[in-house]
Amino acid sequence: MKEIILNNVLQGKTYPDAGSDFYGILKNAIQSSERVYVNMEGVTGMPTMFMNTSFGKIMSEFGLEKLKSTMVFRNITKVQIERIGKYFTDYSEVYNTPT
């Protein structure tokens, strides 16, 4: 188990670059069958540009269920939960990602 403070990943980077960095963290966790705790404290926004290069890329490669079983969110707001959930649903429907 490892904890990632997402705000630290976002600091000083463009959203696509931060998303690529987060993608690398998630991919390593999936490949080593490790769970990642994602601490959302201090995260004020999560634009689609970030989610495409992190969550979207992972879902395309490994499927939504693998992503969900790898990540556990901490300190997440209801609005963030709804935004991420909508992204997962929309991405899966549009791109017909593997389950």
PDB file of N, CA and C in Angstrom:
ATOM      1  N   MET A   1       0.844  -1.174   0.000  1.00  0.00           N
ATOM      2  CA  MET A   1       0.000   0.000   0.000  1.00  0.00           C
ATOM      3  C   MET A   1       0.891   1.240   0.000  1.00  0.00           C
ATOM      4  N   LYS A   2       0.518   2.175  -0.832  1.00  0.00           N
ATOM      5  CA  LYS A   2       1.253   3.430  -0.850  1.00  0.00           C
ATOM      6  C   LYS A   2       0.250   4.565  -0.907  1.00  0.00           C
ATOM      7  N   GLU A   3       0.596   5.662  -0.270  1.00  0.00           N
ATOM      8  CA  GLU A   3      -0.283   6.835  -0.302  1.00  0.00           C
ATOM      9  C   GLU A   3       0.342   7.895  -1.193  1.00  0.00           C
ATOM     10  N   ILE A   4      -0.473   8.423  -2.068  1.00  0.00           N
ATOM     11  CA  ILE A   4      -0.072   9.492  -2.969  1.00  0.00           C
ATOM     12  C   ILE A   4      -0.861  10.736  -2.609  1.00  0.00           C
ATOM     13  N   ILE A   5      -0.172  11.813  -2.360  1.00  0.00           N
ATOM     14  CA  ILE A   5      -0.839  13.099  -2.127  1.00  0.00           C
ATOM     15  C   ILE A   5      -0.964  13.739  -3.503  1.00  0.00           C
ATOM     16  N   LEU A   6      -2.162  13.692  -4.049  1.00  0.00           N
ATOM     17  CA  LEU A   6      -2.369  14.123  -5.426  1.00  0.00           C
ATOM     18  C   LEU A   6      -1.978  15.577  -5.640  1.00  0.00           C
ATOM     19  N   ASN A   7      -2.187  16.407  -4.645  1.00  0.00           N
ATOM     20  CA  ASN A   7      -1.818  17.821  -4.776  1.00  0.00           C
ATOM     21  C   ASN A   7      -0.319  17.964  -5.048  1.00  0.00           C
ATOM     22  N   ASN A   8       0.505  17.089  -4.477  1.00  0.00           N
ATOM     23  CA  ASN A   8       1.946  17.121  -4.733  1.00  0.00           C
ATOM     24  C   ASN A   8       2.260  16.741  -6.180  1.00  0.00           C
ATOM     25  N   VAL A   9       1.506  15.804  -6.732  1.00  0.00           N
ATOM     26  CA  VAL A   9       1.694  15.396  -8.122  1.00  0.00           C
ATOM     27  C   VAL A   9       1.338  16.547  -9.065  1.00  0.00           C
ATOM     28  N   LEU A  10       0.323  17.324  -8.683  1.00  0.00           N
ATOM     29  CA  LEU A  10      -0.151  18.425  -9.529  1.00  0.00           C
ATOM     30  C   LEU A  10       0.741  19.665  -9.476  1.00  0.00           C
ATOM     31  N   GLN A  11       1.450  19.858  -8.378  1.00  0.00           N
ATOM     32  CA  GLN A  11       2.221  21.084  -8.157  1.00  0.00           C
ATOM     33  C   GLN A  11       3.268  21.341  -9.237  1.00  0.00           C
ATOM     34  N   GLY A  12       3.222  22.548  -9.812  1.00  0.00           N
ATOM     35  CA  GLY A  12       4.242  23.007 -10.736  1.00  0.00           C
ATOM     36  C   GLY A  12       4.233  22.349 -12.102  1.00  0.00           C
ATOM     37  N   LYS A  13       3.161  21.642 -12.446  1.00  0.00           N
ATOM     38  CA  LYS A  13       3.092  20.950 -13.732  1.00  0.00           C
ATOM     39  C   LYS A  13       1.818  21.343 -14.465  1.00  0.00           C
ATOM     40  N   THR A  14       1.835  21.161 -15.773  1.00  0.00           N
ATOM     41  CA  THR A  14       0.593  21.300 -16.520  1.00  0.00           C
ATOM     42  C   THR A  14      -0.286  20.105 -16.164  1.00  0.00           C
ATOM     43  N   TYR A  15      -1.586  20.227 -16.397  1.00  0.00           N
ATOM     44  CA  TYR A  15      -2.478  19.105 -16.078  1.00  0.00           C
ATOM     45  C   TYR A  15      -2.143  17.847 -16.888  1.00  0.00           C
ATOM     46  N   PRO A  16      -1.845  17.965 -18.197  1.00  0.00           N
ATOM     47  CA  PRO A  16      -1.464  16.741 -18.924  1.00  0.00           C
ATOM     48  C   PRO A  16      -0.178  16.104 -18.389  1.00  0.00           C
ATOM     49  N   ASP A  17       0.808  16.906 -18.017  1.00  0.00           N
ATOM     50  CA  ASP A  17       2.052  16.354 -17.468  1.00  0.00           C
ATOM     51  C   ASP A  17       1.814  15.693 -16.112  1.00  0.00           C
ATOM     52  N   ALA A  18       1.033  16.339 -15.273  1.00  0.00           N
ATOM     53  CA  ALA A  18       0.703  15.748 -13.970  1.00  0.00           C
ATOM     54  C   ALA A  18      -0.080  14.455 -14.153  1.00  0.00           C
ATOM     55  N   GLY A  19      -0.987  14.450 -15.122  1.00  0.00           N
ATOM     56  CA  GLY A  19      -1.752  13.240 -15.419  1.00  0.00           C
ATOM     57  C   GLY A  19      -0.858  12.105 -15.872  1.00  0.00           C
ATOM     58  N   SER A  20       0.134  12.420 -16.694  1.00  0.00           N
ATOM     59  CA  SER A  20       1.090  11.396 -17.144  1.00  0.00           C
ATOM     60  C   SER A  20       1.898  10.842 -15.976  1.00  0.00           C
ATOM     61  N   ASP A  21       2.295  11.718 -15.068  1.00  0.00           N
ATOM     62  CA  ASP A  21       3.018  11.266 -13.874  1.00  0.00           C
ATOM     63  C   ASP A  21       2.139  10.347 -13.023  1.00  0.00           C
ATOM     64  N   PHE A  22       0.882  10.743 -12.851  1.00  0.00           N
ATOM     65  CA  PHE A  22      -0.046   9.946 -12.051  1.00  0.00           C
ATOM     66  C   PHE A  22      -0.336   8.614 -12.748  1.00  0.00           C
ATOM     67  N   TYR A  23      -0.443   8.637 -14.057  1.00  0.00           N
ATOM     68  CA  TYR A  23      -0.607   7.408 -14.836  1.00  0.00           C
ATOM     69  C   TYR A  23       0.537   6.426 -14.522  1.00  0.00           C
ATOM     70  N   GLY A  24       1.765   6.933 -14.504  1.00  0.00           N
ATOM     71  CA  GLY A  24       2.913   6.081 -14.204  1.00  0.00           C
ATOM     72  C   GLY A  24       2.813   5.444 -12.826  1.00  0.00           C
ATOM     73  N   ILE A  25       2.347   6.221 -11.858  1.00  0.00           N
ATOM     74  CA  ILE A  25       2.169   5.701 -10.496  1.00  0.00           C
ATOM     75  C   ILE A  25       1.117   4.594 -10.494  1.00  0.00           C
ATOM     76  N   LEU A  26      -0.005   4.850 -11.163  1.00  0.00           N
ATOM     77  CA  LEU A  26      -1.088   3.861 -11.201  1.00  0.00           C
ATOM     78  C   LEU A  26      -0.666   2.600 -11.954  1.00  0.00           C
ATOM     79  N   LYS A  27       0.016   2.769 -13.067  1.00  0.00           N
ATOM     80  CA  LYS A  27       0.451   1.614 -13.854  1.00  0.00           C
ATOM     81  C   LYS A  27       1.407   0.735 -13.042  1.00  0.00           C
ATOM     82  N   ASN A  28       2.355   1.356 -12.358  1.00  0.00           N
ATOM     83  CA  ASN A  28       3.276   0.587 -11.508  1.00  0.00           C
ATOM     84  C   ASN A  28       2.526  -0.168 -10.427  1.00  0.00           C
ATOM     85  N   ALA A  29       1.515   0.487  -9.836  1.00  0.00           N
ATOM     86  CA  ALA A  29       0.726  -0.167  -8.788  1.00  0.00           C
ATOM     87  C   ALA A  29      -0.032  -1.364  -9.349  1.00  0.00           C
ATOM     88  N   ILE A  30      -0.634  -1.200 -10.516  1.00  0.00           N
ATOM     89  CA  ILE A  30      -1.370  -2.309 -11.132  1.00  0.00           C
ATOM     90  C   ILE A  30      -0.432  -3.458 -11.447  1.00  0.00           C
ATOM     91  N   GLN A  31       0.698  -3.160 -12.016  1.00  0.00           N
ATOM     92  CA  GLN A  31       1.638  -4.212 -12.407  1.00  0.00           C
ATOM     93  C   GLN A  31       2.241  -4.945 -11.216  1.00  0.00           C
ATOM     94  N   SER A  32       2.301  -4.285 -10.077  1.00  0.00           N
ATOM     95  CA  SER A  32       2.835  -4.945  -8.882  1.00  0.00           C
ATOM     96  C   SER A  32       1.723  -5.363  -7.908  1.00  0.00           C
ATOM     97  N   SER A  33       0.481  -5.323  -8.387  1.00  0.00           N
ATOM     98  CA  SER A  33      -0.689  -5.705  -7.573  1.00  0.00           C
ATOM     99  C   SER A  33      -0.719  -4.969  -6.240  1.00  0.00           C
ATOM    100  N   GLU A  34      -0.436  -3.701  -6.302  1.00  0.00           N
ATOM    101  CA  GLU A  34      -0.399  -2.862  -5.106  1.00  0.00           C
ATOM    102  C   GLU A  34      -1.603  -1.923  -5.102  1.00  0.00           C
ATOM    103  N   ARG A  35      -2.076  -1.591  -3.951  1.00  0.00           N
ATOM    104  CA  ARG A  35      -3.172  -0.635  -3.810  1.00  0.00           C
ATOM    105  C   ARG A  35      -2.590   0.746  -3.550  1.00  0.00           C
ATOM    106  N   VAL A  36      -3.190   1.766  -4.161  1.00  0.00           N
ATOM    107  CA  VAL A  36      -2.742   3.147  -4.004  1.00  0.00           C
ATOM    108  C   VAL A  36      -3.837   3.934  -3.293  1.00  0.00           C
ATOM    109  N   TYR A  37      -3.470   4.580  -2.210  1.00  0.00           N
ATOM    110  CA  TYR A  37      -4.378   5.488  -1.517  1.00  0.00           C
ATOM    111  C   TYR A  37      -4.109   6.883  -2.046  1.00  0.00           C
ATOM    112  N   VAL A  38      -5.123   7.495  -2.631  1.00  0.00           N
ATOM    113  CA  VAL A  38      -4.988   8.807  -3.260  1.00  0.00           C
ATOM    114  C   VAL A  38      -5.582   9.845  -2.321  1.00  0.00           C
ATOM    115  N   ASN A  39      -4.719  10.632  -1.711  1.00  0.00           N
ATOM    116  CA  ASN A  39      -5.143  11.671  -0.776  1.00  0.00           C
ATOM    117  C   ASN A  39      -5.484  12.922  -1.582  1.00  0.00           C
ATOM    118  N   MET A  40      -6.735  13.329  -1.527  1.00  0.00           N
ATOM    119  CA  MET A  40      -7.230  14.450  -2.327  1.00  0.00           C
ATOM    120  C   MET A  40      -7.171  15.787  -1.581  1.00  0.00           C
ATOM    121  N   GLU A  41      -6.597  15.794  -0.394  1.00  0.00           N
ATOM    122  CA  GLU A  41      -6.533  17.023   0.400  1.00  0.00           C
ATOM    123  C   GLU A  41      -5.822  18.127  -0.378  1.00  0.00           C
ATOM    124  N   GLY A  42      -6.470  19.281  -0.462  1.00  0.00           N
ATOM    125  CA  GLY A  42      -5.896  20.439  -1.141  1.00  0.00           C
ATOM    126  C   GLY A  42      -6.125  20.477  -2.639  1.00  0.00           C
ATOM    127  N   VAL A  43      -6.710  19.437  -3.200  1.00  0.00           N
ATOM    128  CA  VAL A  43      -6.976  19.407  -4.644  1.00  0.00           C
ATOM    129  C   VAL A  43      -8.256  20.195  -4.903  1.00  0.00           C
ATOM    130  N   THR A  44      -8.127  21.267  -5.658  1.00  0.00           N
ATOM    131  CA  THR A  44      -9.291  22.131  -5.906  1.00  0.00           C
ATOM    132  C   THR A  44      -9.975  21.834  -7.234  1.00  0.00           C
ATOM    133  N   GLY A  45      -9.267  21.231  -8.143  1.00  0.00           N
ATOM    134  CA  GLY A  45      -9.867  20.915  -9.431  1.00  0.00           C
ATOM    135  C   GLY A  45      -9.167  19.742 -10.087  1.00  0.00           C
ATOM    136  N   MET A  46      -9.911  19.046 -10.922  1.00  0.00           N
ATOM    137  CA  MET A  46      -9.366  17.917 -11.641  1.00  0.00           C
ATOM    138  C   MET A  46      -9.897  17.974 -13.074  1.00  0.00           C
ATOM    139  N   PRO A  47      -9.249  18.781 -13.912  1.00  0.00           N
ATOM    140  CA  PRO A  47      -9.745  18.960 -15.277  1.00  0.00           C
ATOM    141  C   PRO A  47      -9.655  17.687 -16.117  1.00  0.00           C
ATOM    142  N   THR A  48     -10.445  17.669 -17.157  1.00  0.00           N
ATOM    143  CA  THR A  48     -10.455  16.536 -18.077  1.00  0.00           C
ATOM    144  C   THR A  48      -9.071  16.277 -18.653  1.00  0.00           C
ATOM    145  N   MET A  49      -8.290  17.333 -18.879  1.00  0.00           N
ATOM    146  CA  MET A  49      -6.925  17.153 -19.408  1.00  0.00           C
ATOM    147  C   MET A  49      -6.103  16.255 -18.491  1.00  0.00           C
ATOM    148  N   PHE A  50      -6.279  16.392 -17.186  1.00  0.00           N
ATOM    149  CA  PHE A  50      -5.577  15.549 -16.219  1.00  0.00           C
ATOM    150  C   PHE A  50      -6.143  14.128 -16.257  1.00  0.00           C
ATOM    151  N   MET A  51      -7.452  14.021 -16.240  1.00  0.00           N
ATOM    152  CA  MET A  51      -8.080  12.701 -16.177  1.00  0.00           C
ATOM    153  C   MET A  51      -7.843  11.889 -17.447  1.00  0.00           C
ATOM    154  N   ASN A  52      -7.777  12.543 -18.606  1.00  0.00           N
ATOM    155  CA  ASN A  52      -7.506  11.817 -19.856  1.00  0.00           C
ATOM    156  C   ASN A  52      -6.135  11.166 -19.843  1.00  0.00           C
ATOM    157  N   THR A  53      -5.134  11.878 -19.328  1.00  0.00           N
ATOM    158  CA  THR A  53      -3.768  11.357 -19.358  1.00  0.00           C
ATOM    159  C   THR A  53      -3.441  10.464 -18.166  1.00  0.00           C
ATOM    160  N   SER A  54      -4.366  10.326 -17.253  1.00  0.00           N
ATOM    161  CA  SER A  54      -4.148   9.426 -16.115  1.00  0.00           C
ATOM    162  C   SER A  54      -5.213   8.325 -16.125  1.00  0.00           C
ATOM    163  N   PHE A  55      -6.411   8.634 -15.648  1.00  0.00           N
ATOM    164  CA  PHE A  55      -7.474   7.632 -15.562  1.00  0.00           C
ATOM    165  C   PHE A  55      -7.826   7.046 -16.931  1.00  0.00           C
ATOM    166  N   GLY A  56      -7.987   7.913 -17.930  1.00  0.00           N
ATOM    167  CA  GLY A  56      -8.384   7.445 -19.254  1.00  0.00           C
ATOM    168  C   GLY A  56      -7.386   6.479 -19.857  1.00  0.00           C
ATOM    169  N   LYS A  57      -6.123   6.821 -19.743  1.00  0.00           N
ATOM    170  CA  LYS A  57      -5.074   5.961 -20.305  1.00  0.00           C
ATOM    171  C   LYS A  57      -5.031   4.615 -19.580  1.00  0.00           C
ATOM    172  N   ILE A  58      -5.178   4.641 -18.266  1.00  0.00           N
ATOM    173  CA  ILE A  58      -5.201   3.389 -17.492  1.00  0.00           C
ATOM    174  C   ILE A  58      -6.410   2.545 -17.881  1.00  0.00           C
ATOM    175  N   MET A  59      -7.583   3.176 -18.000  1.00  0.00           N
ATOM    176  CA  MET A  59      -8.789   2.426 -18.362  1.00  0.00           C
ATOM    177  C   MET A  59      -8.649   1.802 -19.748  1.00  0.00           C
ATOM    178  N   SER A  60      -8.012   2.505 -20.671  1.00  0.00           N
ATOM    179  CA  SER A  60      -7.808   1.962 -22.019  1.00  0.00           C
ATOM    180  C   SER A  60      -6.913   0.730 -21.995  1.00  0.00           C
ATOM    181  N   GLU A  61      -5.945   0.726 -21.113  1.00  0.00           N
ATOM    182  CA  GLU A  61      -4.996  -0.387 -21.050  1.00  0.00           C
ATOM    183  C   GLU A  61      -5.466  -1.544 -20.171  1.00  0.00           C
ATOM    184  N   PHE A  62      -6.073  -1.210 -19.014  1.00  0.00           N
ATOM    185  CA  PHE A  62      -6.361  -2.241 -18.015  1.00  0.00           C
ATOM    186  C   PHE A  62      -7.843  -2.406 -17.690  1.00  0.00           C
ATOM    187  N   GLY A  63      -8.671  -1.465 -18.090  1.00  0.00           N
ATOM    188  CA  GLY A  63     -10.096  -1.534 -17.794  1.00  0.00           C
ATOM    189  C   GLY A  63     -10.463  -0.785 -16.526  1.00  0.00           C
ATOM    190  N   LEU A  64     -11.727  -0.446 -16.454  1.00  0.00           N
ATOM    191  CA  LEU A  64     -12.248   0.343 -15.336  1.00  0.00           C
ATOM    192  C   LEU A  64     -12.165  -0.409 -14.013  1.00  0.00           C
ATOM    193  N   GLU A  65     -12.525  -1.680 -14.023  1.00  0.00           N
ATOM    194  CA  GLU A  65     -12.540  -2.430 -12.764  1.00  0.00           C
ATOM    195  C   GLU A  65     -11.151  -2.560 -12.155  1.00  0.00           C
ATOM    196  N   LYS A  66     -10.141  -2.723 -12.992  1.00  0.00           N
ATOM    197  CA  LYS A  66      -8.763  -2.814 -12.487  1.00  0.00           C
ATOM    198  C   LYS A  66      -8.346  -1.490 -11.862  1.00  0.00           C
ATOM    199  N   LEU A  67      -8.724  -0.388 -12.516  1.00  0.00           N
ATOM    200  CA  LEU A  67      -8.425   0.935 -11.956  1.00  0.00           C
ATOM    201  C   LEU A  67      -9.114   1.109 -10.614  1.00  0.00           C
ATOM    202  N   LYS A  68     -10.395   0.789 -10.552  1.00  0.00           N
ATOM    203  CA  LYS A  68     -11.150   0.950  -9.307  1.00  0.00           C
ATOM    204  C   LYS A  68     -10.594   0.078  -8.185  1.00  0.00           C
ATOM    205  N   SER A  69     -10.138  -1.110  -8.514  1.00  0.00           N
ATOM    206  CA  SER A  69      -9.623  -2.003  -7.469  1.00  0.00           C
ATOM    207  C   SER A  69      -8.220  -1.602  -7.007  1.00  0.00           C
ATOM    208  N   THR A  70      -7.572  -0.741  -7.759  1.00  0.00           N
ATOM    209  CA  THR A  70      -6.216  -0.301  -7.416  1.00  0.00           C
ATOM    210  C   THR A  70      -6.220   0.954  -6.564  1.00  0.00           C
ATOM    211  N   MET A  71      -7.204   1.832  -6.757  1.00  0.00           N
ATOM    212  CA  MET A  71      -7.229   3.135  -6.078  1.00  0.00           C
ATOM    213  C   MET A  71      -8.252   3.189  -4.964  1.00  0.00           C
ATOM    214  N   VAL A  72      -7.875   3.858  -3.900  1.00  0.00           N
ATOM    215  CA  VAL A  72      -8.796   4.191  -2.817  1.00  0.00           C
ATOM    216  C   VAL A  72      -8.576   5.674  -2.530  1.00  0.00           C
ATOM    217  N   PHE A  73      -9.651   6.446  -2.574  1.00  0.00           N
ATOM    218  CA  PHE A  73      -9.530   7.886  -2.339  1.00  0.00           C
ATOM    219  C   PHE A  73      -9.686   8.205  -0.858  1.00  0.00           C
ATOM    220  N   ARG A  74      -8.929   9.177  -0.421  1.00  0.00           N
ATOM    221  CA  ARG A  74      -9.035   9.711   0.942  1.00  0.00           C
ATOM    222  C   ARG A  74      -9.224  11.213   0.847  1.00  0.00           C
ATOM    223  N   ASN A  75      -9.918  11.775   1.825  1.00  0.00           N
ATOM    224  CA  ASN A  75     -10.151  13.225   1.888  1.00  0.00           C
ATOM    225  C   ASN A  75     -10.754  13.750   0.587  1.00  0.00           C
ATOM    226  N   ILE A  76     -11.732  13.037   0.086  1.00  0.00           N
ATOM    227  CA  ILE A  76     -12.362  13.413  -1.178  1.00  0.00           C
ATOM    228  C   ILE A  76     -13.734  14.019  -0.890  1.00  0.00           C
ATOM    229  N   THR A  77     -14.066  15.054  -1.635  1.00  0.00           N
ATOM    230  CA  THR A  77     -15.360  15.708  -1.453  1.00  0.00           C
ATOM    231  C   THR A  77     -16.420  15.014  -2.298  1.00  0.00           C
ATOM    232  N   LYS A  78     -17.670  15.286  -1.970  1.00  0.00           N
ATOM    233  CA  LYS A  78     -18.785  14.726  -2.726  1.00  0.00           C
ATOM    234  C   LYS A  78     -18.718  15.184  -4.184  1.00  0.00           C
ATOM    235  N   VAL A  79     -18.383  16.440  -4.403  1.00  0.00           N
ATOM    236  CA  VAL A  79     -18.280  16.977  -5.763  1.00  0.00           C
ATOM    237  C   VAL A  79     -17.188  16.240  -6.545  1.00  0.00           C
ATOM    238  N   GLN A  80     -16.057  15.981  -5.908  1.00  0.00           N
ATOM    239  CA  GLN A  80     -14.971  15.257  -6.572  1.00  0.00           C
ATOM    240  C   GLN A  80     -15.388  13.824  -6.897  1.00  0.00           C
ATOM    241  N   ILE A  81     -16.078  13.179  -5.974  1.00  0.00           N
ATOM    242  CA  ILE A  81     -16.567  11.814  -6.210  1.00  0.00           C
ATOM    243  C   ILE A  81     -17.487  11.794  -7.425  1.00  0.00           C
ATOM    244  N   GLU A  82     -18.400  12.749  -7.475  1.00  0.00           N
ATOM    245  CA  GLU A  82     -19.345  12.806  -8.594  1.00  0.00           C
ATOM    246  C   GLU A  82     -18.630  13.079  -9.909  1.00  0.00           C
ATOM    247  N   ARG A  83     -17.666  13.975  -9.897  1.00  0.00           N
ATOM    248  CA  ARG A  83     -16.916  14.332 -11.120  1.00  0.00           C
ATOM    249  C   ARG A  83     -16.119  13.138 -11.632  1.00  0.00           C
ATOM    250  N   ILE A  84     -15.410  12.471 -10.744  1.00  0.00           N
ATOM    251  CA  ILE A  84     -14.609  11.314 -11.145  1.00  0.00           C
ATOM    252  C   ILE A  84     -15.513  10.175 -11.605  1.00  0.00           C
ATOM    253  N   GLY A  85     -16.596   9.934 -10.877  1.00  0.00           N
ATOM    254  CA  GLY A  85     -17.552   8.888 -11.258  1.00  0.00           C
ATOM    255  C   GLY A  85     -18.150   9.132 -12.633  1.00  0.00           C
ATOM    256  N   LYS A  86     -18.516  10.374 -12.906  1.00  0.00           N
ATOM    257  CA  LYS A  86     -19.064  10.725 -14.219  1.00  0.00           C
ATOM    258  C   LYS A  86     -18.017  10.517 -15.301  1.00  0.00           C
ATOM    259  N   TYR A  87     -16.778  10.893 -15.027  1.00  0.00           N
ATOM    260  CA  TYR A  87     -15.711  10.692 -16.001  1.00  0.00           C
ATOM    261  C   TYR A  87     -15.547   9.200 -16.306  1.00  0.00           C
ATOM    262  N   PHE A  88     -15.510   8.370 -15.266  1.00  0.00           N
ATOM    263  CA  PHE A  88     -15.356   6.925 -15.458  1.00  0.00           C
ATOM    264  C   PHE A  88     -16.481   6.379 -16.333  1.00  0.00           C
ATOM    265  N   THR A  89     -17.715   6.759 -16.020  1.00  0.00           N
ATOM    266  CA  THR A  89     -18.869   6.277 -16.776  1.00  0.00           C
ATOM    267  C   THR A  89     -18.822   6.748 -18.223  1.00  0.00           C
ATOM    268  N   ASP A  90     -18.611   8.036 -18.413  1.00  0.00           N
ATOM    269  CA  ASP A  90     -18.577   8.597 -19.768  1.00  0.00           C
ATOM    270  C   ASP A  90     -17.446   7.992 -20.594  1.00  0.00           C
ATOM    271  N   TYR A  91     -16.271   7.890 -20.020  1.00  0.00           N
ATOM    272  CA  TYR A  91     -15.117   7.354 -20.739  1.00  0.00           C
ATOM    273  C   TYR A  91     -15.379   5.907 -21.148  1.00  0.00           C
ATOM    274  N   SER A  92     -15.905   5.124 -20.229  1.00  0.00           N
ATOM    275  CA  SER A  92     -16.172   3.715 -20.515  1.00  0.00           C
ATOM    276  C   SER A  92     -17.202   3.560 -21.629  1.00  0.00           C
ATOM    277  N   GLU A  93     -18.229   4.409 -21.621  1.00  0.00           N
ATOM    278  CA  GLU A  93     -19.267   4.327 -22.648  1.00  0.00           C
ATOM    279  C   GLU A  93     -18.739   4.763 -24.014  1.00  0.00           C
ATOM    280  N   VAL A  94     -17.999   5.850 -24.044  1.00  0.00           N
ATOM    281  CA  VAL A  94     -17.509   6.384 -25.312  1.00  0.00           C
ATOM    282  C   VAL A  94     -16.439   5.486 -25.928  1.00  0.00           C
ATOM    283  N   TYR A  95     -15.492   5.047 -25.118  1.00  0.00           N
ATOM    284  CA  TYR A  95     -14.360   4.290 -25.637  1.00  0.00           C
ATOM    285  C   TYR A  95     -14.505   2.784 -25.488  1.00  0.00           C
ATOM    286  N   ASN A  96     -15.620   2.345 -24.893  1.00  0.00           N
ATOM    287  CA  ASN A  96     -15.886   0.913 -24.731  1.00  0.00           C
ATOM    288  C   ASN A  96     -14.658   0.193 -24.181  1.00  0.00           C
ATOM    289  N   THR A  97     -14.182   0.692 -23.041  1.00  0.00           N
ATOM    290  CA  THR A  97     -12.960   0.154 -22.438  1.00  0.00           C
ATOM    291  C   THR A  97     -13.201  -1.260 -21.905  1.00  0.00           C
ATOM    292  N   PRO A  98     -12.141  -2.043 -21.776  1.00  0.00           N
ATOM    293  CA  PRO A  98     -12.287  -3.385 -21.223  1.00  0.00           C
ATOM    294  C   PRO A  98     -12.720  -3.326 -19.761  1.00  0.00           C
ATOM    295  N   THR A  99     -13.408  -4.344 -19.330  1.00  0.00           N
ATOM    296  CA  THR A  99     -13.843  -4.388 -17.931  1.00  0.00           C
ATOM    297  C   THR A  99     -12.854  -5.089 -17.054  1.00  0.00           C
TER     298      THR A  99
END
